[in-house]
Amino acid sequence: TYYADYVKGRFTISRDDAKNTLYLQMNSLKPGDTAVYYCAVADHIPP
């Protein structure tokens, strides 16, 4: 896992392979977190 500095300690990314689902648990939300959130997939090894 990798996190942006401004969400470390507040957000947690995880996945459920059986359900083919990705999650983002967001705690201690701030007004600066307001945005449209997008999920993305890489079909190659991203350096």
All heavy atoms as atom14 arrays in JSON, in Angstrom:
{
  "sequence": "TYYADYVKGRFTISRDDAKNTLYLQMNSLKPGDTAVYYCAVADHIPP",
  "atom14_mask": [
    [1, 1, 1, 1, 1, 1, 1, 0, 0, 0, 0, 0, 0, 0],
    [1, 1, 1, 1, 1, 1, 1, 1, 1, 1, 1, 1, 0, 0],
    [1, 1, 1, 1, 1, 1, 1, 1, 1, 1, 1, 1, 0, 0],
    [1, 1, 1, 1, 1, 0, 0, 0, 0, 0, 0, 0, 0, 0],
    [1, 1, 1, 1, 1, 1, 1, 1, 0, 0, 0, 0, 0, 0],
    [1, 1, 1, 1, 1, 1, 1, 1, 1, 1, 1, 1, 0, 0],
    [1, 1, 1, 1, 1, 1, 1, 0, 0, 0, 0, 0, 0, 0],
    [1, 1, 1, 1, 1, 1, 1, 1, 1, 0, 0, 0, 0, 0],
    [1, 1, 1, 1, 0, 0, 0, 0, 0, 0, 0, 0, 0, 0],
    [1, 1, 1, 1, 1, 1, 1, 1, 1, 1, 1, 0, 0, 0],
    [1, 1, 1, 1, 1, 1, 1, 1, 1, 1, 1, 0, 0, 0],
    [1, 1, 1, 1, 1, 1, 1, 0, 0, 0, 0, 0, 0, 0],
    [1, 1, 1, 1, 1, 1, 1, 1, 0, 0, 0, 0, 0, 0],
    [1, 1, 1, 1, 1, 1, 0, 0, 0, 0, 0, 0, 0, 0],
    [1, 1, 1, 1, 1, 1, 1, 1, 1, 1, 1, 0, 0, 0],
    [1, 1, 1, 1, 1, 1, 1, 1, 0, 0, 0, 0, 0, 0],
    [1, 1, 1, 1, 1, 1, 1, 1, 0, 0, 0, 0, 0, 0],
    [1, 1, 1, 1, 1, 0, 0, 0, 0, 0, 0, 0, 0, 0],
    [1, 1, 1, 1, 1, 1, 1, 1, 1, 0, 0, 0, 0, 0],
    [1, 1, 1, 1, 1, 1, 1, 1, 0, 0, 0, 0, 0, 0],
    [1, 1, 1, 1, 1, 1, 1, 0, 0, 0, 0, 0, 0, 0],
    [1, 1, 1, 1, 1, 1, 1, 1, 0, 0, 0, 0, 0, 0],
    [1, 1, 1, 1, 1, 1, 1, 1, 1, 1, 1, 1, 0, 0],
    [1, 1, 1, 1, 1, 1, 1, 1, 0, 0, 0, 0, 0, 0],
    [1, 1, 1, 1, 1, 1, 1, 1, 1, 0, 0, 0, 0, 0],
    [1, 1, 1, 1, 1, 1, 1, 1, 0, 0, 0, 0, 0, 0],
    [1, 1, 1, 1, 1, 1, 1, 1, 0, 0, 0, 0, 0, 0],
    [1, 1, 1, 1, 1, 1, 0, 0, 0, 0, 0, 0, 0, 0],
    [1, 1, 1, 1, 1, 1, 1, 1, 0, 0, 0, 0, 0, 0],
    [1, 1, 1, 1, 1, 1, 1, 1, 1, 0, 0, 0, 0, 0],
    [1, 1, 1, 1, 1, 1, 1, 0, 0, 0, 0, 0, 0, 0],
    [1, 1, 1, 1, 0, 0, 0, 0, 0, 0, 0, 0, 0, 0],
    [1, 1, 1, 1, 1, 1, 1, 1, 0, 0, 0, 0, 0, 0],
    [1, 1, 1, 1, 1, 1, 1, 0, 0, 0, 0, 0, 0, 0],
    [1, 1, 1, 1, 1, 0, 0, 0, 0, 0, 0, 0, 0, 0],
    [1, 1, 1, 1, 1, 1, 1, 0, 0, 0, 0, 0, 0, 0],
    [1, 1, 1, 1, 1, 1, 1, 1, 1, 1, 1, 1, 0, 0],
    [1, 1, 1, 1, 1, 1, 1, 1, 1, 1, 1, 1, 0, 0],
    [1, 1, 1, 1, 1, 1, 0, 0, 0, 0, 0, 0, 0, 0],
    [1, 1, 1, 1, 1, 0, 0, 0, 0, 0, 0, 0, 0, 0],
    [1, 1, 1, 1, 1, 1, 1, 0, 0, 0, 0, 0, 0, 0],
    [1, 1, 1, 1, 1, 0, 0, 0, 0, 0, 0, 0, 0, 0],
    [1, 1, 1, 1, 1, 1, 1, 1, 0, 0, 0, 0, 0, 0],
    [1, 1, 1, 1, 1, 1, 1, 1, 1, 1, 0, 0, 0, 0],
    [1, 1, 1, 1, 1, 1, 1, 1, 0, 0, 0, 0, 0, 0],
    [1, 1, 1, 1, 1, 1, 1, 0, 0, 0, 0, 0, 0, 0],
    [1, 1, 1, 1, 1, 1, 1, 0, 0, 0, 0, 0, 0, 0]
  ],
  "atom14_positions": [
    [[0.82, -1.21, 0.0], [0.0, 0.0, 0.0], [0.85, 1.26, 0.0], [1.96, 1.28, 0.54], [-0.94, 0.03, 1.21], [-0.18, -0.03, 2.41], [-1.91, -1.14, 1.16], [0.0, 0.0, 0.0], [0.0, 0.0, 0.0], [0.0, 0.0, 0.0], [0.0, 0.0, 0.0], [0.0, 0.0, 0.0], [0.0, 0.0, 0.0], [0.0, 0.0, 0.0]],
    [[0.31, 2.3, -0.62], [0.94, 3.61, -0.68], [-0.12, 4.66, -0.44], [-1.25, 4.55, -0.92], [1.59, 3.84, -2.05], [2.58, 2.78, -2.46], [2.16, 1.6, -3.06], [3.95, 2.95, -2.23], [3.08, 0.62, -3.43], [4.86, 1.98, -2.6], [4.42, 0.81, -3.2], [5.32, -0.15, -3.57], [0.0, 0.0, 0.0], [0.0, 0.0, 0.0]],
    [[0.24, 5.72, 0.29], [-0.7, 6.77, 0.62], [-0.09, 8.14, 0.38], [1.11, 8.35, 0.57], [-1.11, 6.7, 2.09], [-1.88, 5.46, 2.46], [-1.22, 4.33, 2.96], [-3.26, 5.41, 2.34], [-1.93, 3.19, 3.31], [-3.97, 4.28, 2.69], [-3.29, 3.17, 3.17], [-4.0, 2.04, 3.52], [0.0, 0.0, 0.0], [0.0, 0.0, 0.0]],
    [[-0.94, 9.06, -0.04], [-0.54, 10.45, -0.07], [-0.29, 10.92, 1.36], [-0.95, 10.48, 2.3], [-1.61, 11.31, -0.73], [0.0, 0.0, 0.0], [0.0, 0.0, 0.0], [0.0, 0.0, 0.0], [0.0, 0.0, 0.0], [0.0, 0.0, 0.0], [0.0, 0.0, 0.0], [0.0, 0.0, 0.0], [0.0, 0.0, 0.0], [0.0, 0.0, 0.0]],
    [[0.67, 11.83, 1.51], [1.03, 12.29, 2.85], [-0.16, 12.86, 3.61], [-0.26, 12.68, 4.83], [2.15, 13.33, 2.76], [3.48, 12.73, 2.37], [3.66, 11.5, 2.51], [4.36, 13.5, 1.92], [0.0, 0.0, 0.0], [0.0, 0.0, 0.0], [0.0, 0.0, 0.0], [0.0, 0.0, 0.0], [0.0, 0.0, 0.0], [0.0, 0.0, 0.0]],
    [[-1.04, 13.54, 2.92], [-2.12, 14.23, 3.61], [-3.25, 13.32, 4.07], [-4.18, 13.78, 4.75], [-2.68, 15.36, 2.72], [-3.08, 14.94, 1.33], [-4.32, 14.37, 1.08], [-2.21, 15.13, 0.26], [-4.68, 13.98, -0.2], [-2.56, 14.74, -1.02], [-3.8, 14.17, -1.24], [-4.17, 13.79, -2.51], [0.0, 0.0, 0.0], [0.0, 0.0, 0.0]],
    [[-3.19, 12.02, 3.73], [-4.21, 11.09, 4.21], [-3.63, 10.0, 5.1], [-4.39, 9.2, 5.66], [-4.99, 10.44, 3.05], [-5.61, 11.51, 2.16], [-4.1, 9.49, 2.24], [0.0, 0.0, 0.0], [0.0, 0.0, 0.0], [0.0, 0.0, 0.0], [0.0, 0.0, 0.0], [0.0, 0.0, 0.0], [0.0, 0.0, 0.0], [0.0, 0.0, 0.0]],
    [[-2.33, 9.97, 5.28], [-1.71, 8.96, 6.12], [-2.25, 9.05, 7.55], [-2.34, 10.11, 8.13], [-0.19, 9.12, 6.13], [0.48, 8.71, 4.84], [1.99, 8.87, 4.92], [2.66, 8.43, 3.64], [4.12, 8.65, 3.68], [0.0, 0.0, 0.0], [0.0, 0.0, 0.0], [0.0, 0.0, 0.0], [0.0, 0.0, 0.0], [0.0, 0.0, 0.0]],
    [[-2.62, 7.9, 8.08], [-3.18, 7.85, 9.42], [-4.67, 8.08, 9.47], [-5.28, 7.87, 10.53], [0.0, 0.0, 0.0], [0.0, 0.0, 0.0], [0.0, 0.0, 0.0], [0.0, 0.0, 0.0], [0.0, 0.0, 0.0], [0.0, 0.0, 0.0], [0.0, 0.0, 0.0], [0.0, 0.0, 0.0], [0.0, 0.0, 0.0], [0.0, 0.0, 0.0]],
    [[-5.26, 8.5, 8.36], [-6.7, 8.75, 8.31], [-7.44, 7.8, 7.36], [-8.56, 7.39, 7.64], [-6.99, 10.19, 7.89], [-6.42, 11.23, 8.84], [-6.96, 12.62, 8.52], [-6.59, 13.07, 7.19], [-7.46, 13.43, 6.24], [-8.77, 13.4, 6.5], [-7.03, 13.84, 5.06], [0.0, 0.0, 0.0], [0.0, 0.0, 0.0], [0.0, 0.0, 0.0]],
    [[-6.81, 7.49, 6.22], [-7.44, 6.64, 5.21], [-6.77, 5.28, 5.18], [-5.57, 5.16, 5.42], [-7.31, 7.27, 3.82], [-8.1, 8.53, 3.61], [-8.76, 9.16, 4.65], [-8.18, 9.09, 2.34], [-9.48, 10.33, 4.45], [-8.9, 10.25, 2.13], [-9.54, 10.87, 3.17], [0.0, 0.0, 0.0], [0.0, 0.0, 0.0], [0.0, 0.0, 0.0]],
    [[-7.54, 4.27, 4.83], [-7.02, 2.92, 4.68], [-7.57, 2.3, 3.4], [-8.78, 2.26, 3.21], [-7.39, 2.03, 5.87], [-6.9, 2.61, 7.08], [-6.76, 0.64, 5.71], [0.0, 0.0, 0.0], [0.0, 0.0, 0.0], [0.0, 0.0, 0.0], [0.0, 0.0, 0.0], [0.0, 0.0, 0.0], [0.0, 0.0, 0.0], [0.0, 0.0, 0.0]],
    [[-6.68, 1.83, 2.54], [-7.09, 1.16, 1.32], [-7.02, -0.35, 1.53], [-6.1, -0.86, 2.19], [-6.23, 1.6, 0.12], [-6.81, 1.07, -1.19], [-4.77, 1.18, 0.29], [-6.15, 1.66, -2.43], [0.0, 0.0, 0.0], [0.0, 0.0, 0.0], [0.0, 0.0, 0.0], [0.0, 0.0, 0.0], [0.0, 0.0, 0.0], [0.0, 0.0, 0.0]],
    [[-7.98, -1.06, 0.98], [-8.01, -2.51, 1.11], [-8.78, -3.1, -0.07], [-9.38, -2.37, -0.86], [-8.64, -2.94, 2.44], [-9.99, -2.51, 2.52], [0.0, 0.0, 0.0], [0.0, 0.0, 0.0], [0.0, 0.0, 0.0], [0.0, 0.0, 0.0], [0.0, 0.0, 0.0], [0.0, 0.0, 0.0], [0.0, 0.0, 0.0], [0.0, 0.0, 0.0]],
    [[-8.75, -4.4, -0.17], [-9.48, -5.07, -1.25], [-10.06, -6.39, -0.76], [-9.57, -6.99, 0.19], [-8.55, -5.32, -2.44], [-7.5, -6.39, -2.19], [-6.57, -6.55, -3.38], [-5.79, -7.77, -3.28], [-4.66, -7.89, -2.59], [-4.18, -6.85, -1.92], [-4.01, -9.05, -2.57], [0.0, 0.0, 0.0], [0.0, 0.0, 0.0], [0.0, 0.0, 0.0]],
    [[-11.1, -6.83, -1.45], [-11.71, -8.12, -1.21], [-11.68, -8.85, -2.55], [-12.48, -8.57, -3.44], [-13.14, -7.97, -0.7], [-13.77, -9.29, -0.31], [-13.41, -10.34, -0.88], [-14.64, -9.29, 0.59], [0.0, 0.0, 0.0], [0.0, 0.0, 0.0], [0.0, 0.0, 0.0], [0.0, 0.0, 0.0], [0.0, 0.0, 0.0], [0.0, 0.0, 0.0]],
    [[-10.74, -9.76, -2.69], [-10.56, -10.44, -3.97], [-11.77, -11.29, -4.36], [-12.11, -11.39, -5.54], [-9.3, -11.32, -3.92], [-8.03, -10.51, -3.83], [-8.03, -9.33, -4.23], [-7.02, -11.06, -3.37], [0.0, 0.0, 0.0], [0.0, 0.0, 0.0], [0.0, 0.0, 0.0], [0.0, 0.0, 0.0], [0.0, 0.0, 0.0], [0.0, 0.0, 0.0]],
    [[-12.42, -11.9, -3.37], [-13.58, -12.73, -3.66], [-14.72, -11.93, -4.26], [-15.5, -12.44, -5.06], [-14.04, -13.45, -2.39], [0.0, 0.0, 0.0], [0.0, 0.0, 0.0], [0.0, 0.0, 0.0], [0.0, 0.0, 0.0], [0.0, 0.0, 0.0], [0.0, 0.0, 0.0], [0.0, 0.0, 0.0], [0.0, 0.0, 0.0], [0.0, 0.0, 0.0]],
    [[-14.83, -10.66, -3.86], [-15.9, -9.79, -4.36], [-15.43, -8.85, -5.47], [-16.23, -8.06, -5.97], [-16.47, -8.97, -3.22], [-17.14, -9.79, -2.13], [-17.71, -8.9, -1.04], [-18.4, -9.71, 0.03], [-18.96, -8.85, 1.1], [0.0, 0.0, 0.0], [0.0, 0.0, 0.0], [0.0, 0.0, 0.0], [0.0, 0.0, 0.0], [0.0, 0.0, 0.0]],
    [[-14.16, -8.95, -5.84], [-13.59, -8.05, -6.86], [-13.87, -6.59, -6.52], [-14.26, -5.8, -7.38], [-14.14, -8.39, -8.25], [-13.68, -9.74, -8.74], [-12.51, -10.1, -8.58], [-14.58, -10.49, -9.35], [0.0, 0.0, 0.0], [0.0, 0.0, 0.0], [0.0, 0.0, 0.0], [0.0, 0.0, 0.0], [0.0, 0.0, 0.0], [0.0, 0.0, 0.0]],
    [[-13.65, -6.24, -5.27], [-14.0, -4.92, -4.79], [-12.83, -4.27, -4.07], [-12.14, -4.92, -3.27], [-15.21, -4.98, -3.86], [-16.32, -5.55, -4.56], [-15.6, -3.6, -3.38], [0.0, 0.0, 0.0], [0.0, 0.0, 0.0], [0.0, 0.0, 0.0], [0.0, 0.0, 0.0], [0.0, 0.0, 0.0], [0.0, 0.0, 0.0], [0.0, 0.0, 0.0]],
    [[-12.63, -3.01, -4.35], [-11.63, -2.17, -3.7], [-12.34, -1.24, -2.73], [-13.43, -0.74, -3.03], [-10.87, -1.37, -4.75], [-9.8, -0.39, -4.25], [-8.57, -1.16, -3.78], [-9.44, 0.59, -5.35], [0.0, 0.0, 0.0], [0.0, 0.0, 0.0], [0.0, 0.0, 0.0], [0.0, 0.0, 0.0], [0.0, 0.0, 0.0], [0.0, 0.0, 0.0]],
    [[-11.72, -0.97, -1.59], [-12.32, -0.11, -0.58], [-11.38, 1.02, -0.2], [-10.15, 0.9, -0.29], [-12.66, -0.9, 0.68], [-13.62, -2.03, 0.46], [-13.16, -3.33, 0.33], [-14.99, -1.81, 0.39], [-14.04, -4.39, 0.14], [-15.87, -2.85, 0.2], [-15.39, -4.14, 0.07], [-16.28, -5.17, -0.13], [0.0, 0.0, 0.0], [0.0, 0.0, 0.0]],
    [[-11.97, 2.1, 0.27], [-11.22, 3.18, 0.88], [-11.98, 3.62, 2.12], [-13.03, 4.24, 2.02], [-11.04, 4.37, -0.08], [-10.19, 5.51, 0.47], [-8.74, 5.07, 0.62], [-10.28, 6.74, -0.44], [0.0, 0.0, 0.0], [0.0, 0.0, 0.0], [0.0, 0.0, 0.0], [0.0, 0.0, 0.0], [0.0, 0.0, 0.0], [0.0, 0.0, 0.0]],
    [[-11.44, 3.26, 3.28], [-12.01, 3.7, 4.54], [-11.44, 5.07, 4.88], [-10.22, 5.2, 5.0], [-11.7, 2.71, 5.65], [-12.22, 3.11, 7.02], [-13.72, 3.14, 7.09], [-14.38, 2.21, 6.64], [-14.29, 4.21, 7.63], [0.0, 0.0, 0.0], [0.0, 0.0, 0.0], [0.0, 0.0, 0.0], [0.0, 0.0, 0.0], [0.0, 0.0, 0.0]],
    [[-12.29, 6.06, 5.03], [-11.87, 7.42, 5.27], [-12.36, 7.86, 6.64], [-13.57, 7.95, 6.87], [-12.4, 8.36, 4.19], [-12.01, 7.94, 2.77], [-12.49, 9.16, 1.52], [-14.27, 9.06, 1.66], [0.0, 0.0, 0.0], [0.0, 0.0, 0.0], [0.0, 0.0, 0.0], [0.0, 0.0, 0.0], [0.0, 0.0, 0.0], [0.0, 0.0, 0.0]],
    [[-11.44, 8.14, 7.54], [-11.76, 8.6, 8.88], [-11.22, 10.01, 9.08], [-10.36, 10.48, 8.34], [-11.16, 7.66, 9.93], [-11.68, 6.25, 9.83], [-12.85, 6.03, 9.52], [-10.81, 5.28, 10.12], [0.0, 0.0, 0.0], [0.0, 0.0, 0.0], [0.0, 0.0, 0.0], [0.0, 0.0, 0.0], [0.0, 0.0, 0.0], [0.0, 0.0, 0.0]],
    [[-11.73, 10.67, 10.11], [-11.29, 12.03, 10.44], [-11.31, 12.94, 9.23], [-10.35, 13.66, 8.94], [-9.89, 11.99, 11.06], [-9.86, 11.19, 12.23], [0.0, 0.0, 0.0], [0.0, 0.0, 0.0], [0.0, 0.0, 0.0], [0.0, 0.0, 0.0], [0.0, 0.0, 0.0], [0.0, 0.0, 0.0], [0.0, 0.0, 0.0], [0.0, 0.0, 0.0]],
    [[-12.4, 12.91, 8.51], [-12.51, 13.68, 7.28], [-12.46, 15.18, 7.53], [-12.95, 15.67, 8.55], [-13.8, 13.32, 6.55], [-13.75, 11.97, 5.82], [-15.15, 11.48, 5.51], [-12.93, 12.1, 4.55], [0.0, 0.0, 0.0], [0.0, 0.0, 0.0], [0.0, 0.0, 0.0], [0.0, 0.0, 0.0], [0.0, 0.0, 0.0], [0.0, 0.0, 0.0]],
    [[-11.86, 15.88, 6.59], [-11.69, 17.32, 6.65], [-12.38, 17.96, 5.45], [-12.56, 17.31, 4.42], [-10.2, 17.68, 6.63], [-9.37, 17.02, 7.71], [-7.9, 17.32, 7.52], [-7.06, 16.64, 8.58], [-5.6, 16.92, 8.38], [0.0, 0.0, 0.0], [0.0, 0.0, 0.0], [0.0, 0.0, 0.0], [0.0, 0.0, 0.0], [0.0, 0.0, 0.0]],
    [[-12.75, 19.23, 5.54], [-13.34, 19.9, 4.38], [-12.45, 19.82, 3.14], [-12.97, 19.75, 2.02], [-13.51, 21.34, 4.86], [-13.72, 21.21, 6.33], [-12.8, 20.09, 6.74], [0.0, 0.0, 0.0], [0.0, 0.0, 0.0], [0.0, 0.0, 0.0], [0.0, 0.0, 0.0], [0.0, 0.0, 0.0], [0.0, 0.0, 0.0], [0.0, 0.0, 0.0]],
    [[-11.14, 19.81, 3.32], [-10.22, 19.7, 2.2], [-10.28, 18.36, 1.48], [-9.72, 18.23, 0.39], [0.0, 0.0, 0.0], [0.0, 0.0, 0.0], [0.0, 0.0, 0.0], [0.0, 0.0, 0.0], [0.0, 0.0, 0.0], [0.0, 0.0, 0.0], [0.0, 0.0, 0.0], [0.0, 0.0, 0.0], [0.0, 0.0, 0.0], [0.0, 0.0, 0.0]],
    [[-10.96, 17.38, 2.06], [-11.13, 16.09, 1.41], [-12.28, 16.1, 0.41], [-12.49, 15.11, -0.3], [-11.38, 15.0, 2.44], [-10.2, 14.78, 3.37], [-9.05, 14.8, 2.87], [-10.42, 14.59, 4.58], [0.0, 0.0, 0.0], [0.0, 0.0, 0.0], [0.0, 0.0, 0.0], [0.0, 0.0, 0.0], [0.0, 0.0, 0.0], [0.0, 0.0, 0.0]],
    [[-13.03, 17.18, 0.35], [-14.16, 17.29, -0.57], [-13.68, 17.19, -2.01], [-12.83, 17.97, -2.45], [-14.92, 18.6, -0.35], [-15.48, 18.6, 0.96], [-16.03, 18.77, -1.38], [0.0, 0.0, 0.0], [0.0, 0.0, 0.0], [0.0, 0.0, 0.0], [0.0, 0.0, 0.0], [0.0, 0.0, 0.0], [0.0, 0.0, 0.0], [0.0, 0.0, 0.0]],
    [[-14.21, 16.24, -2.75], [-13.8, 16.01, -4.13], [-14.62, 14.86, -4.7], [-15.34, 14.17, -3.98], [-12.31, 15.66, -4.2], [0.0, 0.0, 0.0], [0.0, 0.0, 0.0], [0.0, 0.0, 0.0], [0.0, 0.0, 0.0], [0.0, 0.0, 0.0], [0.0, 0.0, 0.0], [0.0, 0.0, 0.0], [0.0, 0.0, 0.0], [0.0, 0.0, 0.0]],
    [[-14.48, 14.66, -6.01], [-14.97, 13.44, -6.64], [-13.85, 12.42, -6.54], [-12.72, 12.69, -6.94], [-15.36, 13.67, -8.1], [-15.78, 12.35, -8.76], [-16.5, 14.67, -8.19], [0.0, 0.0, 0.0], [0.0, 0.0, 0.0], [0.0, 0.0, 0.0], [0.0, 0.0, 0.0], [0.0, 0.0, 0.0], [0.0, 0.0, 0.0], [0.0, 0.0, 0.0]],
    [[-14.17, 11.26, -6.02], [-13.19, 10.21, -5.84], [-13.33, 9.16, -6.93], [-14.43, 8.67, -7.2], [-13.35, 9.57, -4.46], [-12.79, 10.42, -3.35], [-13.41, 11.61, -2.99], [-11.62, 10.05, -2.69], [-12.88, 12.41, -1.99], [-11.09, 10.84, -1.68], [-11.72, 12.02, -1.34], [-11.2, 12.82, -0.35], [0.0, 0.0, 0.0], [0.0, 0.0, 0.0]],
    [[-12.2, 8.82, -7.55], [-12.17, 7.89, -8.67], [-11.37, 6.65, -8.32], [-10.31, 6.73, -7.7], [-11.53, 8.54, -9.89], [-12.29, 9.73, -10.44], [-12.02, 11.01, -10.0], [-13.28, 9.55, -11.4], [-12.7, 12.1, -10.51], [-13.97, 10.63, -11.91], [-13.68, 11.9, -11.47], [-14.36, 12.98, -11.98], [0.0, 0.0, 0.0], [0.0, 0.0, 0.0]],
    [[-11.88, 5.53, -8.76], [-11.17, 4.26, -8.68], [-10.45, 4.02, -10.0], [-10.95, 4.37, -11.06], [-12.18, 3.15, -8.4], [-11.55, 1.47, -8.47], [0.0, 0.0, 0.0], [0.0, 0.0, 0.0], [0.0, 0.0, 0.0], [0.0, 0.0, 0.0], [0.0, 0.0, 0.0], [0.0, 0.0, 0.0], [0.0, 0.0, 0.0], [0.0, 0.0, 0.0]],
    [[-9.27, 3.42, -9.94], [-8.49, 3.16, -11.13], [-7.76, 1.83, -11.04], [-7.42, 1.37, -9.95], [-7.47, 4.3, -11.35], [0.0, 0.0, 0.0], [0.0, 0.0, 0.0], [0.0, 0.0, 0.0], [0.0, 0.0, 0.0], [0.0, 0.0, 0.0], [0.0, 0.0, 0.0], [0.0, 0.0, 0.0], [0.0, 0.0, 0.0], [0.0, 0.0, 0.0]],
    [[-7.5, 1.24, -12.21], [-6.82, -0.05, -12.31], [-5.66, 0.06, -13.28], [-5.8, 0.65, -14.36], [-7.78, -1.16, -12.76], [-7.02, -2.43, -13.12], [-8.81, -1.45, -11.69], [0.0, 0.0, 0.0], [0.0, 0.0, 0.0], [0.0, 0.0, 0.0], [0.0, 0.0, 0.0], [0.0, 0.0, 0.0], [0.0, 0.0, 0.0], [0.0, 0.0, 0.0]],
    [[-4.54, -0.51, -12.91], [-3.39, -0.63, -13.8], [-3.27, -2.07, -14.26], [-3.17, -2.98, -13.42], [-2.11, -0.18, -13.1], [0.0, 0.0, 0.0], [0.0, 0.0, 0.0], [0.0, 0.0, 0.0], [0.0, 0.0, 0.0], [0.0, 0.0, 0.0], [0.0, 0.0, 0.0], [0.0, 0.0, 0.0], [0.0, 0.0, 0.0], [0.0, 0.0, 0.0]],
    [[-3.27, -2.28, -15.57], [-3.13, -3.62, -16.14], [-1.69, -3.9, -16.56], [-1.46, -4.7, -17.46], [-4.08, -3.79, -17.32], [-5.43, -4.31, -16.89], [-5.6, -4.65, -15.71], [-6.33, -4.38, -17.75], [0.0, 0.0, 0.0], [0.0, 0.0, 0.0], [0.0, 0.0, 0.0], [0.0, 0.0, 0.0], [0.0, 0.0, 0.0], [0.0, 0.0, 0.0]],
    [[-0.78, -3.27, -15.93], [0.63, -3.49, -16.15], [1.35, -3.24, -14.84], [0.76, -2.7, -13.9], [1.17, -2.56, -17.25], [1.09, -1.12, -16.88], [-0.07, -0.39, -16.96], [2.04, -0.27, -16.41], [0.15, 0.85, -16.56], [1.43, 0.94, -16.23], [0.0, 0.0, 0.0], [0.0, 0.0, 0.0], [0.0, 0.0, 0.0], [0.0, 0.0, 0.0]],
    [[2.6, -3.61, -14.78], [3.38, -3.35, -13.58], [3.78, -1.88, -13.58], [4.56, -1.46, -14.44], [4.63, -4.25, -13.51], [4.22, -5.72, -13.49], [5.46, -3.92, -12.28], [5.39, -6.68, -13.55], [0.0, 0.0, 0.0], [0.0, 0.0, 0.0], [0.0, 0.0, 0.0], [0.0, 0.0, 0.0], [0.0, 0.0, 0.0], [0.0, 0.0, 0.0]],
    [[3.25, -1.1, -12.66], [3.57, 0.34, -12.65], [4.8, 0.61, -11.8], [4.78, 0.4, -10.58], [2.31, 0.97, -12.04], [1.77, -0.1, -11.13], [2.19, -1.43, -11.72], [0.0, 0.0, 0.0], [0.0, 0.0, 0.0], [0.0, 0.0, 0.0], [0.0, 0.0, 0.0], [0.0, 0.0, 0.0], [0.0, 0.0, 0.0], [0.0, 0.0, 0.0]],
    [[5.87, 1.1, -12.42], [7.06, 1.45, -11.63], [6.76, 2.5, -10.57], [7.36, 2.46, -9.49], [8.03, 1.99, -12.68], [7.59, 1.37, -13.96], [6.1, 1.28, -13.86], [0.0, 0.0, 0.0], [0.0, 0.0, 0.0], [0.0, 0.0, 0.0], [0.0, 0.0, 0.0], [0.0, 0.0, 0.0], [0.0, 0.0, 0.0], [0.0, 0.0, 0.0]]
  ]
}
